[in-house]
Amino acid sequence: MAYSWDNRVKFVVRYMYDIDNNGYLDKNDFECLAVRTSVIESKGEVKPEKYEQNRKVMRNLWNEIADLADFNKDGQVSVEEFKSAVKNACVGKPFDAFPGALKAFISSHFGTVDVNGDGLVGVEEYRVDCCSRQAYSDIKEIDDAYNKLCSAEDKKKGGIDLKRFQELYAQFIGNPDETIGAVYLFGPLQELN
């Protein structure tokens, strides 16, 4: 069940958006994401204009998520509310049909994974991204997941480019099939409660 659609969406909430780890999404999480993204992208040397750009992306993402998912309008989005919104806005849709702010976040997130800035996410960068969120006792587990994630074309190019990352992210949250390679986009998953 670690790769079920339900578990993947819980993973996105817990490890991608709920930065303050309080169990729900709110405006503060996305302010923190702007800082985190800016620091990671610039390897610590944050430029004010880049931070403001990231802040705008994250504020737009929060506003979009709140519009789509904060059904009771309490300023917080629960995991269940988020799952309902993702089901309505993303399941069965390609990346191009996703809400605008989510597309901007996904594209921005690629920049935090492509640490060396060469336009490809190679296995080394994938390892760093995976280990920044979860604990693993064997590097082989991560490398095996990367190999399952990558298509023959990805391997030929030397990694995953932005367009492919967007496609994989769309499949990760928008395709309920547990057997697709995209389920490994963020590494080997564990079943979440």
N, C-alpha and C. Protein backbone atom coordinates (compact mmCIF):
# COMPACT_ATOMS: atom_id res chain seq x y z
N MET A 1 0.80 -1.20 0.00
CA MET A 1 0.00 0.00 0.00
C MET A 1 0.85 1.28 0.00
N ALA A 2 2.17 1.14 0.09
CA ALA A 2 3.03 2.31 0.13
C ALA A 2 2.91 3.14 -1.15
N TYR A 3 2.57 2.49 -2.26
CA TYR A 3 2.50 3.21 -3.53
C TYR A 3 1.07 3.47 -3.98
N SER A 4 0.11 3.27 -3.09
CA SER A 4 -1.29 3.57 -3.44
C SER A 4 -1.43 5.07 -3.66
N TRP A 5 -2.43 5.45 -4.41
CA TRP A 5 -2.67 6.88 -4.67
C TRP A 5 -2.88 7.61 -3.35
N ASP A 6 -3.66 7.03 -2.47
CA ASP A 6 -3.96 7.62 -1.18
C ASP A 6 -2.67 7.90 -0.39
N ASN A 7 -1.78 6.94 -0.35
CA ASN A 7 -0.53 7.11 0.38
C ASN A 7 0.37 8.15 -0.29
N ARG A 8 0.37 8.18 -1.62
CA ARG A 8 1.19 9.18 -2.33
C ARG A 8 0.72 10.59 -2.02
N VAL A 9 -0.59 10.79 -1.96
CA VAL A 9 -1.11 12.13 -1.65
C VAL A 9 -0.79 12.49 -0.20
N LYS A 10 -0.91 11.54 0.71
CA LYS A 10 -0.51 11.79 2.10
C LYS A 10 0.97 12.17 2.16
N PHE A 11 1.80 11.50 1.37
CA PHE A 11 3.23 11.79 1.31
C PHE A 11 3.46 13.24 0.89
N VAL A 12 2.75 13.68 -0.15
CA VAL A 12 2.90 15.06 -0.63
C VAL A 12 2.57 16.05 0.48
N VAL A 13 1.48 15.79 1.19
CA VAL A 13 1.12 16.69 2.29
C VAL A 13 2.21 16.68 3.36
N ARG A 14 2.57 15.50 3.83
CA ARG A 14 3.49 15.40 4.97
C ARG A 14 4.91 15.86 4.65
N TYR A 15 5.44 15.44 3.50
CA TYR A 15 6.85 15.68 3.22
C TYR A 15 7.14 16.82 2.25
N MET A 16 6.12 17.28 1.55
CA MET A 16 6.37 18.34 0.57
C MET A 16 5.80 19.69 1.01
N TYR A 17 4.63 19.69 1.64
CA TYR A 17 3.94 20.94 1.94
C TYR A 17 3.85 21.28 3.43
N ASP A 18 3.65 20.29 4.29
CA ASP A 18 3.47 20.56 5.72
C ASP A 18 4.82 20.77 6.39
N ILE A 19 5.44 21.88 6.06
CA ILE A 19 6.81 22.18 6.48
C ILE A 19 6.92 22.31 8.00
N ASP A 20 5.88 22.84 8.65
CA ASP A 20 5.96 22.98 10.10
C ASP A 20 5.45 21.75 10.85
N ASN A 21 5.12 20.70 10.11
CA ASN A 21 4.76 19.39 10.67
C ASN A 21 3.63 19.42 11.71
N ASN A 22 2.61 20.24 11.46
CA ASN A 22 1.50 20.28 12.41
C ASN A 22 0.30 19.44 11.96
N GLY A 23 0.43 18.75 10.83
CA GLY A 23 -0.62 17.83 10.40
C GLY A 23 -1.64 18.39 9.44
N TYR A 24 -1.53 19.67 9.12
CA TYR A 24 -2.43 20.29 8.16
C TYR A 24 -1.67 21.38 7.41
N LEU A 25 -2.24 21.82 6.31
CA LEU A 25 -1.62 22.88 5.52
C LEU A 25 -2.26 24.21 5.87
N ASP A 26 -1.43 25.24 5.91
CA ASP A 26 -1.93 26.59 6.10
C ASP A 26 -0.95 27.56 5.45
N LYS A 27 -1.26 28.83 5.53
CA LYS A 27 -0.44 29.86 4.87
C LYS A 27 1.02 29.81 5.34
N ASN A 28 1.25 29.53 6.62
CA ASN A 28 2.61 29.49 7.16
C ASN A 28 3.47 28.45 6.44
N ASP A 29 2.89 27.29 6.11
CA ASP A 29 3.66 26.26 5.41
C ASP A 29 4.23 26.80 4.10
N PHE A 30 3.46 27.60 3.41
CA PHE A 30 3.88 28.07 2.10
C PHE A 30 4.84 29.26 2.20
N GLU A 31 4.76 30.02 3.28
CA GLU A 31 5.78 31.04 3.55
C GLU A 31 7.11 30.34 3.83
N CYS A 32 7.05 29.26 4.61
CA CYS A 32 8.26 28.48 4.92
C CYS A 32 8.81 27.80 3.65
N LEU A 33 7.92 27.34 2.78
CA LEU A 33 8.37 26.75 1.52
C LEU A 33 9.12 27.75 0.66
N ALA A 34 8.69 29.00 0.68
CA ALA A 34 9.38 30.04 -0.10
C ALA A 34 10.82 30.19 0.39
N VAL A 35 11.00 30.21 1.70
CA VAL A 35 12.34 30.32 2.27
C VAL A 35 13.15 29.08 1.92
N ARG A 36 12.57 27.92 2.16
CA ARG A 36 13.28 26.66 1.90
C ARG A 36 13.71 26.54 0.44
N THR A 37 12.79 26.82 -0.47
CA THR A 37 13.09 26.73 -1.89
C THR A 37 14.20 27.70 -2.27
N SER A 38 14.13 28.91 -1.76
CA SER A 38 15.15 29.92 -2.08
C SER A 38 16.53 29.51 -1.57
N VAL A 39 16.59 28.98 -0.37
CA VAL A 39 17.86 28.56 0.20
C VAL A 39 18.45 27.38 -0.56
N ILE A 40 17.61 26.40 -0.88
CA ILE A 40 18.10 25.21 -1.57
C ILE A 40 18.54 25.55 -2.99
N GLU A 41 17.71 26.29 -3.71
CA GLU A 41 18.06 26.64 -5.09
C GLU A 41 19.38 27.39 -5.19
N SER A 42 19.61 28.28 -4.24
CA SER A 42 20.80 29.12 -4.29
C SER A 42 21.95 28.58 -3.46
N LYS A 43 21.78 27.39 -2.91
CA LYS A 43 22.80 26.77 -2.06
C LYS A 43 23.20 27.70 -0.92
N GLY A 44 22.20 28.40 -0.36
CA GLY A 44 22.41 29.24 0.81
C GLY A 44 22.56 30.72 0.54
N GLU A 45 22.92 31.08 -0.65
CA GLU A 45 23.11 32.50 -0.98
C GLU A 45 21.83 33.05 -1.61
N VAL A 46 20.90 33.47 -0.76
CA VAL A 46 19.58 33.88 -1.22
C VAL A 46 19.61 35.31 -1.74
N LYS A 47 19.17 35.45 -2.97
CA LYS A 47 19.06 36.77 -3.58
C LYS A 47 17.62 37.27 -3.37
N PRO A 48 17.45 38.53 -2.94
CA PRO A 48 16.12 39.05 -2.61
C PRO A 48 15.10 38.89 -3.76
N GLU A 49 15.54 39.12 -4.99
CA GLU A 49 14.59 39.01 -6.10
C GLU A 49 14.13 37.56 -6.32
N LYS A 50 15.02 36.62 -6.12
CA LYS A 50 14.66 35.21 -6.27
C LYS A 50 13.74 34.78 -5.12
N TYR A 51 14.03 35.25 -3.93
CA TYR A 51 13.17 34.95 -2.79
C TYR A 51 11.76 35.50 -3.03
N GLU A 52 11.66 36.73 -3.51
CA GLU A 52 10.34 37.32 -3.78
C GLU A 52 9.60 36.54 -4.87
N GLN A 53 10.33 36.08 -5.86
CA GLN A 53 9.72 35.26 -6.91
C GLN A 53 9.18 33.95 -6.31
N ASN A 54 9.97 33.30 -5.48
CA ASN A 54 9.53 32.07 -4.83
C ASN A 54 8.36 32.33 -3.88
N ARG A 55 8.42 33.44 -3.20
CA ARG A 55 7.34 33.81 -2.28
C ARG A 55 6.02 33.99 -3.04
N LYS A 56 6.10 34.60 -4.19
CA LYS A 56 4.89 34.80 -5.01
C LYS A 56 4.34 33.45 -5.47
N VAL A 57 5.23 32.56 -5.93
CA VAL A 57 4.80 31.22 -6.36
C VAL A 57 4.12 30.49 -5.21
N MET A 58 4.71 30.53 -4.02
CA MET A 58 4.17 29.79 -2.89
C MET A 58 2.88 30.42 -2.36
N ARG A 59 2.80 31.73 -2.38
CA ARG A 59 1.54 32.39 -1.96
C ARG A 59 0.42 32.04 -2.94
N ASN A 60 0.74 32.06 -4.22
CA ASN A 60 -0.27 31.68 -5.22
C ASN A 60 -0.70 30.23 -5.04
N LEU A 61 0.27 29.36 -4.74
CA LEU A 61 -0.04 27.95 -4.53
C LEU A 61 -0.95 27.80 -3.31
N TRP A 62 -0.61 28.48 -2.21
CA TRP A 62 -1.47 28.40 -1.03
C TRP A 62 -2.88 28.90 -1.35
N ASN A 63 -2.98 30.05 -2.02
CA ASN A 63 -4.30 30.59 -2.35
C ASN A 63 -5.10 29.62 -3.21
N GLU A 64 -4.43 28.99 -4.16
CA GLU A 64 -5.10 28.02 -5.02
C GLU A 64 -5.53 26.79 -4.23
N ILE A 65 -4.64 26.28 -3.39
CA ILE A 65 -4.99 25.12 -2.57
C ILE A 65 -6.14 25.47 -1.63
N ALA A 66 -6.08 26.63 -1.02
CA ALA A 66 -7.16 27.04 -0.11
C ALA A 66 -8.49 27.15 -0.87
N ASP A 67 -8.45 27.71 -2.07
CA ASP A 67 -9.69 27.82 -2.87
C ASP A 67 -10.24 26.45 -3.23
N LEU A 68 -9.34 25.53 -3.59
CA LEU A 68 -9.76 24.20 -4.03
C LEU A 68 -10.06 23.23 -2.88
N ALA A 69 -9.42 23.43 -1.73
CA ALA A 69 -9.46 22.39 -0.70
C ALA A 69 -9.96 22.81 0.67
N ASP A 70 -9.94 24.09 1.00
CA ASP A 70 -10.38 24.50 2.33
C ASP A 70 -11.90 24.60 2.34
N PHE A 71 -12.52 23.44 2.36
CA PHE A 71 -13.97 23.37 2.22
C PHE A 71 -14.71 24.05 3.36
N ASN A 72 -14.19 23.98 4.57
CA ASN A 72 -14.88 24.61 5.70
C ASN A 72 -14.37 26.04 5.98
N LYS A 73 -13.47 26.53 5.14
CA LYS A 73 -12.95 27.91 5.19
C LYS A 73 -12.40 28.31 6.56
N ASP A 74 -11.63 27.38 7.18
CA ASP A 74 -11.02 27.67 8.48
C ASP A 74 -9.56 28.10 8.38
N GLY A 75 -9.06 28.28 7.14
CA GLY A 75 -7.66 28.69 6.96
C GLY A 75 -6.68 27.55 7.05
N GLN A 76 -7.20 26.32 7.14
CA GLN A 76 -6.37 25.13 7.22
C GLN A 76 -6.92 24.09 6.24
N VAL A 77 -6.00 23.32 5.67
CA VAL A 77 -6.40 22.25 4.76
C VAL A 77 -5.93 20.94 5.36
N SER A 78 -6.89 20.10 5.69
CA SER A 78 -6.57 18.77 6.25
C SER A 78 -6.12 17.85 5.13
N VAL A 79 -5.57 16.72 5.52
CA VAL A 79 -5.15 15.72 4.53
C VAL A 79 -6.37 15.28 3.71
N GLU A 80 -7.48 15.07 4.36
CA GLU A 80 -8.69 14.63 3.65
C GLU A 80 -9.18 15.69 2.66
N GLU A 81 -9.16 16.95 3.08
CA GLU A 81 -9.56 18.03 2.17
C GLU A 81 -8.61 18.09 0.98
N PHE A 82 -7.31 17.95 1.25
CA PHE A 82 -6.33 18.00 0.17
C PHE A 82 -6.53 16.84 -0.80
N LYS A 83 -6.77 15.65 -0.28
CA LYS A 83 -7.01 14.50 -1.15
C LYS A 83 -8.23 14.73 -2.04
N SER A 84 -9.29 15.27 -1.49
CA SER A 84 -10.49 15.56 -2.29
C SER A 84 -10.19 16.56 -3.40
N ALA A 85 -9.43 17.58 -3.07
CA ALA A 85 -9.08 18.60 -4.07
C ALA A 85 -8.21 18.02 -5.17
N VAL A 86 -7.22 17.20 -4.79
CA VAL A 86 -6.34 16.59 -5.79
C VAL A 86 -7.15 15.66 -6.69
N LYS A 87 -8.06 14.91 -6.09
CA LYS A 87 -8.90 14.00 -6.88
C LYS A 87 -9.69 14.80 -7.92
N ASN A 88 -10.25 15.93 -7.52
CA ASN A 88 -11.05 16.75 -8.43
C ASN A 88 -10.21 17.49 -9.47
N ALA A 89 -9.05 17.98 -9.07
CA ALA A 89 -8.27 18.85 -9.95
C ALA A 89 -7.18 18.14 -10.75
N CYS A 90 -6.75 16.95 -10.32
CA CYS A 90 -5.56 16.35 -10.92
C CYS A 90 -5.72 14.92 -11.44
N VAL A 91 -6.54 14.12 -10.80
CA VAL A 91 -6.62 12.70 -11.18
C VAL A 91 -7.11 12.57 -12.62
N GLY A 92 -6.33 11.80 -13.38
CA GLY A 92 -6.66 11.54 -14.77
C GLY A 92 -6.30 12.66 -15.73
N LYS A 93 -5.57 13.66 -15.24
CA LYS A 93 -5.24 14.81 -16.09
C LYS A 93 -3.73 14.90 -16.32
N PRO A 94 -3.35 15.39 -17.49
CA PRO A 94 -1.92 15.62 -17.74
C PRO A 94 -1.46 16.89 -17.03
N PHE A 95 -0.17 17.07 -16.94
CA PHE A 95 0.42 18.24 -16.29
C PHE A 95 -0.19 19.54 -16.80
N ASP A 96 -0.36 19.67 -18.11
CA ASP A 96 -0.86 20.92 -18.70
C ASP A 96 -2.26 21.30 -18.22
N ALA A 97 -3.04 20.33 -17.74
CA ALA A 97 -4.39 20.60 -17.26
C ALA A 97 -4.45 20.88 -15.75
N PHE A 98 -3.32 20.84 -15.08
CA PHE A 98 -3.27 21.11 -13.64
C PHE A 98 -3.53 22.59 -13.38
N PRO A 99 -3.96 22.94 -12.17
CA PRO A 99 -4.11 24.35 -11.80
C PRO A 99 -2.77 25.09 -11.95
N GLY A 100 -2.83 26.33 -12.36
CA GLY A 100 -1.64 27.12 -12.67
C GLY A 100 -0.60 27.21 -11.58
N ALA A 101 -1.02 27.49 -10.36
CA ALA A 101 -0.05 27.63 -9.27
C ALA A 101 0.63 26.30 -8.95
N LEU A 102 -0.09 25.20 -9.09
CA LEU A 102 0.52 23.89 -8.87
C LEU A 102 1.57 23.61 -9.94
N LYS A 103 1.27 23.98 -11.18
CA LYS A 103 2.26 23.80 -12.25
C LYS A 103 3.50 24.64 -11.95
N ALA A 104 3.31 25.86 -11.47
CA ALA A 104 4.45 26.71 -11.14
C ALA A 104 5.27 26.11 -10.01
N PHE A 105 4.59 25.55 -9.00
CA PHE A 105 5.31 24.91 -7.89
C PHE A 105 6.12 23.72 -8.39
N ILE A 106 5.52 22.88 -9.20
CA ILE A 106 6.21 21.69 -9.70
C ILE A 106 7.45 22.09 -10.47
N SER A 107 7.32 23.09 -11.32
CA SER A 107 8.47 23.56 -12.10
C SER A 107 9.54 24.15 -11.18
N SER A 108 9.12 24.88 -10.17
CA SER A 108 10.05 25.46 -9.21
C SER A 108 10.73 24.36 -8.40
N HIS A 109 9.96 23.35 -8.02
CA HIS A 109 10.51 22.25 -7.23
C HIS A 109 11.63 21.53 -8.00
N PHE A 110 11.50 21.44 -9.30
CA PHE A 110 12.54 20.82 -10.11
C PHE A 110 13.89 21.50 -9.85
N GLY A 111 13.87 22.82 -9.71
CA GLY A 111 15.10 23.57 -9.45
C GLY A 111 15.76 23.22 -8.13
N THR A 112 14.97 22.77 -7.16
CA THR A 112 15.57 22.37 -5.87
C THR A 112 16.14 20.96 -5.93
N VAL A 113 15.67 20.16 -6.89
CA VAL A 113 16.19 18.80 -7.04
C VAL A 113 17.42 18.80 -7.96
N ASP A 114 17.37 19.60 -9.02
CA ASP A 114 18.49 19.71 -9.96
C ASP A 114 19.56 20.61 -9.36
N VAL A 115 20.23 20.08 -8.36
CA VAL A 115 21.18 20.85 -7.56
C VAL A 115 22.31 21.45 -8.39
N ASN A 116 22.83 20.72 -9.36
CA ASN A 116 23.96 21.25 -10.13
C ASN A 116 23.53 22.13 -11.29
N GLY A 117 22.22 22.26 -11.53
CA GLY A 117 21.71 23.18 -12.53
C GLY A 117 21.96 22.78 -13.97
N ASP A 118 22.21 21.50 -14.23
CA ASP A 118 22.48 21.07 -15.61
C ASP A 118 21.22 20.73 -16.40
N GLY A 119 20.05 20.89 -15.78
CA GLY A 119 18.79 20.61 -16.47
C GLY A 119 18.35 19.16 -16.40
N LEU A 120 19.08 18.35 -15.64
CA LEU A 120 18.74 16.94 -15.48
C LEU A 120 18.85 16.53 -14.01
N VAL A 121 17.96 15.67 -13.57
CA VAL A 121 18.07 15.09 -12.24
C VAL A 121 18.71 13.73 -12.41
N GLY A 122 19.98 13.66 -12.01
CA GLY A 122 20.72 12.40 -12.07
C GLY A 122 20.56 11.64 -10.76
N VAL A 123 21.14 10.47 -10.71
CA VAL A 123 20.98 9.62 -9.53
C VAL A 123 21.53 10.28 -8.27
N GLU A 124 22.62 11.03 -8.37
CA GLU A 124 23.19 11.67 -7.19
C GLU A 124 22.22 12.69 -6.61
N GLU A 125 21.62 13.49 -7.49
CA GLU A 125 20.67 14.50 -7.03
C GLU A 125 19.41 13.83 -6.48
N TYR A 126 19.00 12.76 -7.10
CA TYR A 126 17.84 12.00 -6.63
C TYR A 126 18.10 11.47 -5.22
N ARG A 127 19.30 10.97 -4.98
CA ARG A 127 19.65 10.47 -3.64
C ARG A 127 19.54 11.59 -2.61
N VAL A 128 20.09 12.76 -2.94
CA VAL A 128 20.05 13.89 -2.01
C VAL A 128 18.60 14.27 -1.72
N ASP A 129 17.78 14.35 -2.76
CA ASP A 129 16.39 14.72 -2.58
C ASP A 129 15.66 13.71 -1.70
N CYS A 130 15.85 12.44 -1.97
CA CYS A 130 15.20 11.39 -1.16
C CYS A 130 15.62 11.47 0.30
N CYS A 131 16.92 11.58 0.54
CA CYS A 131 17.44 11.57 1.90
C CYS A 131 17.13 12.87 2.66
N SER A 132 16.73 13.90 1.95
CA SER A 132 16.36 15.14 2.64
C SER A 132 15.00 15.02 3.33
N ARG A 133 14.24 13.98 2.99
CA ARG A 133 12.90 13.81 3.54
C ARG A 133 12.74 12.57 4.43
N GLN A 134 13.42 11.49 4.08
CA GLN A 134 13.21 10.22 4.77
C GLN A 134 14.54 9.54 5.07
N ALA A 135 14.48 8.55 5.96
CA ALA A 135 15.67 7.78 6.33
C ALA A 135 15.70 6.47 5.57
N TYR A 136 16.88 6.10 5.12
CA TYR A 136 17.09 4.84 4.40
C TYR A 136 18.29 4.15 5.00
N SER A 137 18.23 2.83 5.10
CA SER A 137 19.35 2.08 5.68
C SER A 137 20.26 1.49 4.61
N ASP A 138 19.88 1.63 3.32
CA ASP A 138 20.68 1.05 2.24
C ASP A 138 20.55 1.91 0.98
N ILE A 139 21.65 2.39 0.47
CA ILE A 139 21.64 3.23 -0.74
C ILE A 139 21.07 2.49 -1.94
N LYS A 140 21.21 1.17 -1.95
CA LYS A 140 20.69 0.36 -3.05
C LYS A 140 19.18 0.54 -3.21
N GLU A 141 18.48 0.70 -2.10
CA GLU A 141 17.03 0.91 -2.12
C GLU A 141 16.69 2.18 -2.93
N ILE A 142 17.46 3.22 -2.73
CA ILE A 142 17.24 4.48 -3.45
C ILE A 142 17.61 4.31 -4.92
N ASP A 143 18.76 3.70 -5.17
CA ASP A 143 19.20 3.51 -6.56
C ASP A 143 18.23 2.63 -7.35
N ASP A 144 17.69 1.60 -6.70
CA ASP A 144 16.71 0.74 -7.37
C ASP A 144 15.45 1.53 -7.72
N ALA A 145 15.02 2.41 -6.82
CA ALA A 145 13.85 3.24 -7.08
C ALA A 145 14.12 4.18 -8.26
N TYR A 146 15.31 4.76 -8.30
CA TYR A 146 15.66 5.66 -9.42
C TYR A 146 15.62 4.90 -10.74
N ASN A 147 16.14 3.70 -10.74
CA ASN A 147 16.13 2.89 -11.97
C ASN A 147 14.73 2.51 -12.40
N LYS A 148 13.83 2.31 -11.46
CA LYS A 148 12.43 2.03 -11.79
C LYS A 148 11.71 3.29 -12.28
N LEU A 149 12.13 4.43 -11.78
CA LEU A 149 11.54 5.71 -12.16
C LEU A 149 11.92 6.10 -13.59
N CYS A 150 13.17 5.92 -13.94
CA CYS A 150 13.69 6.38 -15.22
C CYS A 150 13.27 5.49 -16.38
N SER A 151 12.88 6.13 -17.46
CA SER A 151 12.59 5.42 -18.70
C SER A 151 13.91 5.20 -19.44
N ALA A 152 13.87 4.43 -20.49
CA ALA A 152 15.06 4.21 -21.32
C ALA A 152 15.56 5.55 -21.87
N GLU A 153 14.63 6.42 -22.23
CA GLU A 153 14.99 7.75 -22.75
C GLU A 153 15.68 8.58 -21.68
N ASP A 154 15.16 8.54 -20.44
CA ASP A 154 15.79 9.27 -19.33
C ASP A 154 17.22 8.79 -19.13
N LYS A 155 17.40 7.49 -19.14
CA LYS A 155 18.74 6.92 -18.93
C LYS A 155 19.69 7.32 -20.05
N LYS A 156 19.16 7.37 -21.27
CA LYS A 156 19.97 7.77 -22.43
C LYS A 156 20.43 9.22 -22.30
N LYS A 157 19.55 10.09 -21.78
CA LYS A 157 19.87 11.51 -21.59
C LYS A 157 20.78 11.75 -20.39
N GLY A 158 20.80 10.79 -19.48
CA GLY A 158 21.60 10.96 -18.27
C GLY A 158 20.81 11.45 -17.08
N GLY A 159 19.49 11.46 -17.19
CA GLY A 159 18.65 11.89 -16.07
C GLY A 159 17.29 12.36 -16.54
N ILE A 160 16.57 12.93 -15.61
CA ILE A 160 15.20 13.39 -15.84
C ILE A 160 15.22 14.89 -16.07
N ASP A 161 14.70 15.33 -17.22
CA ASP A 161 14.65 16.76 -17.50
C ASP A 161 13.35 17.36 -16.96
N LEU A 162 13.20 18.67 -17.07
CA LEU A 162 12.05 19.37 -16.50
C LEU A 162 10.73 18.85 -17.06
N LYS A 163 10.62 18.70 -18.35
CA LYS A 163 9.38 18.23 -18.96
C LYS A 163 9.00 16.84 -18.43
N ARG A 164 9.96 15.98 -18.34
CA ARG A 164 9.72 14.63 -17.82
C ARG A 164 9.37 14.67 -16.33
N PHE A 165 10.03 15.53 -15.58
CA PHE A 165 9.72 15.70 -14.15
C PHE A 165 8.28 16.15 -13.98
N GLN A 166 7.85 17.10 -14.79
CA GLN A 166 6.46 17.57 -14.74
C GLN A 166 5.49 16.42 -15.02
N GLU A 167 5.79 15.66 -16.04
CA GLU A 167 4.96 14.50 -16.41
C GLU A 167 4.91 13.48 -15.27
N LEU A 168 6.06 13.18 -14.68
CA LEU A 168 6.13 12.21 -13.58
C LEU A 168 5.38 12.71 -12.35
N TYR A 169 5.51 13.99 -12.04
CA TYR A 169 4.80 14.56 -10.89
C TYR A 169 3.30 14.46 -11.12
N ALA A 170 2.86 14.79 -12.33
CA ALA A 170 1.44 14.69 -12.66
C ALA A 170 0.94 13.26 -12.49
N GLN A 171 1.74 12.30 -12.88
CA GLN A 171 1.35 10.90 -12.71
C GLN A 171 1.39 10.49 -11.23
N PHE A 172 2.36 11.02 -10.48
CA PHE A 172 2.49 10.68 -9.07
C PHE A 172 1.21 11.02 -8.31
N ILE A 173 0.65 12.21 -8.54
CA ILE A 173 -0.56 12.59 -7.81
C ILE A 173 -1.84 12.40 -8.62
N GLY A 174 -1.71 12.16 -9.92
CA GLY A 174 -2.90 12.11 -10.75
C GLY A 174 -3.24 10.76 -11.35
N ASN A 175 -2.42 9.75 -11.12
CA ASN A 175 -2.68 8.43 -11.69
C ASN A 175 -2.74 7.41 -10.55
N PRO A 176 -3.90 6.81 -10.31
CA PRO A 176 -4.03 5.86 -9.20
C PRO A 176 -3.28 4.54 -9.38
N ASP A 177 -2.75 4.27 -10.56
CA ASP A 177 -2.05 3.01 -10.83
C ASP A 177 -0.78 2.92 -9.98
N GLU A 178 -0.68 1.86 -9.18
CA GLU A 178 0.47 1.67 -8.29
C GLU A 178 1.68 1.06 -8.98
N THR A 179 1.53 0.66 -10.24
CA THR A 179 2.62 -0.04 -10.92
C THR A 179 3.43 0.86 -11.86
N ILE A 180 3.06 2.11 -11.99
CA ILE A 180 3.79 3.01 -12.89
C ILE A 180 5.10 3.47 -12.26
N GLY A 181 6.06 3.77 -13.08
CA GLY A 181 7.37 4.22 -12.60
C GLY A 181 7.30 5.51 -11.79
N ALA A 182 6.33 6.35 -12.08
CA ALA A 182 6.21 7.65 -11.41
C ALA A 182 6.02 7.52 -9.90
N VAL A 183 5.58 6.37 -9.42
CA VAL A 183 5.39 6.22 -7.97
C VAL A 183 6.72 6.35 -7.22
N TYR A 184 7.84 6.26 -7.93
CA TYR A 184 9.16 6.36 -7.31
C TYR A 184 9.76 7.77 -7.42
N LEU A 185 8.96 8.75 -7.86
CA LEU A 185 9.49 10.09 -8.08
C LEU A 185 10.20 10.66 -6.85
N PHE A 186 9.68 10.39 -5.69
CA PHE A 186 10.28 10.94 -4.46
C PHE A 186 10.94 9.86 -3.62
N GLY A 187 11.33 8.77 -4.28
CA GLY A 187 12.06 7.71 -3.61
C GLY A 187 11.19 6.56 -3.20
N PRO A 188 11.81 5.59 -2.56
CA PRO A 188 11.03 4.47 -2.02
C PRO A 188 10.11 5.03 -0.92
N LEU A 189 8.84 4.73 -1.00
CA LEU A 189 7.88 5.26 -0.02
C LEU A 189 7.59 4.24 1.07
N GLN A 190 7.18 4.76 2.19
CA GLN A 190 6.71 3.94 3.29
C GLN A 190 5.23 4.23 3.48
N GLU A 191 4.50 3.26 3.97
CA GLU A 191 3.08 3.47 4.21
C GLU A 191 2.91 4.44 5.37
N LEU A 192 2.08 5.45 5.15
CA LEU A 192 1.85 6.49 6.17
C LEU A 192 0.51 6.26 6.84
N ASN A 193 0.43 6.63 8.10
CA ASN A 193 -0.83 6.54 8.85
C ASN A 193 -1.67 7.76 8.61
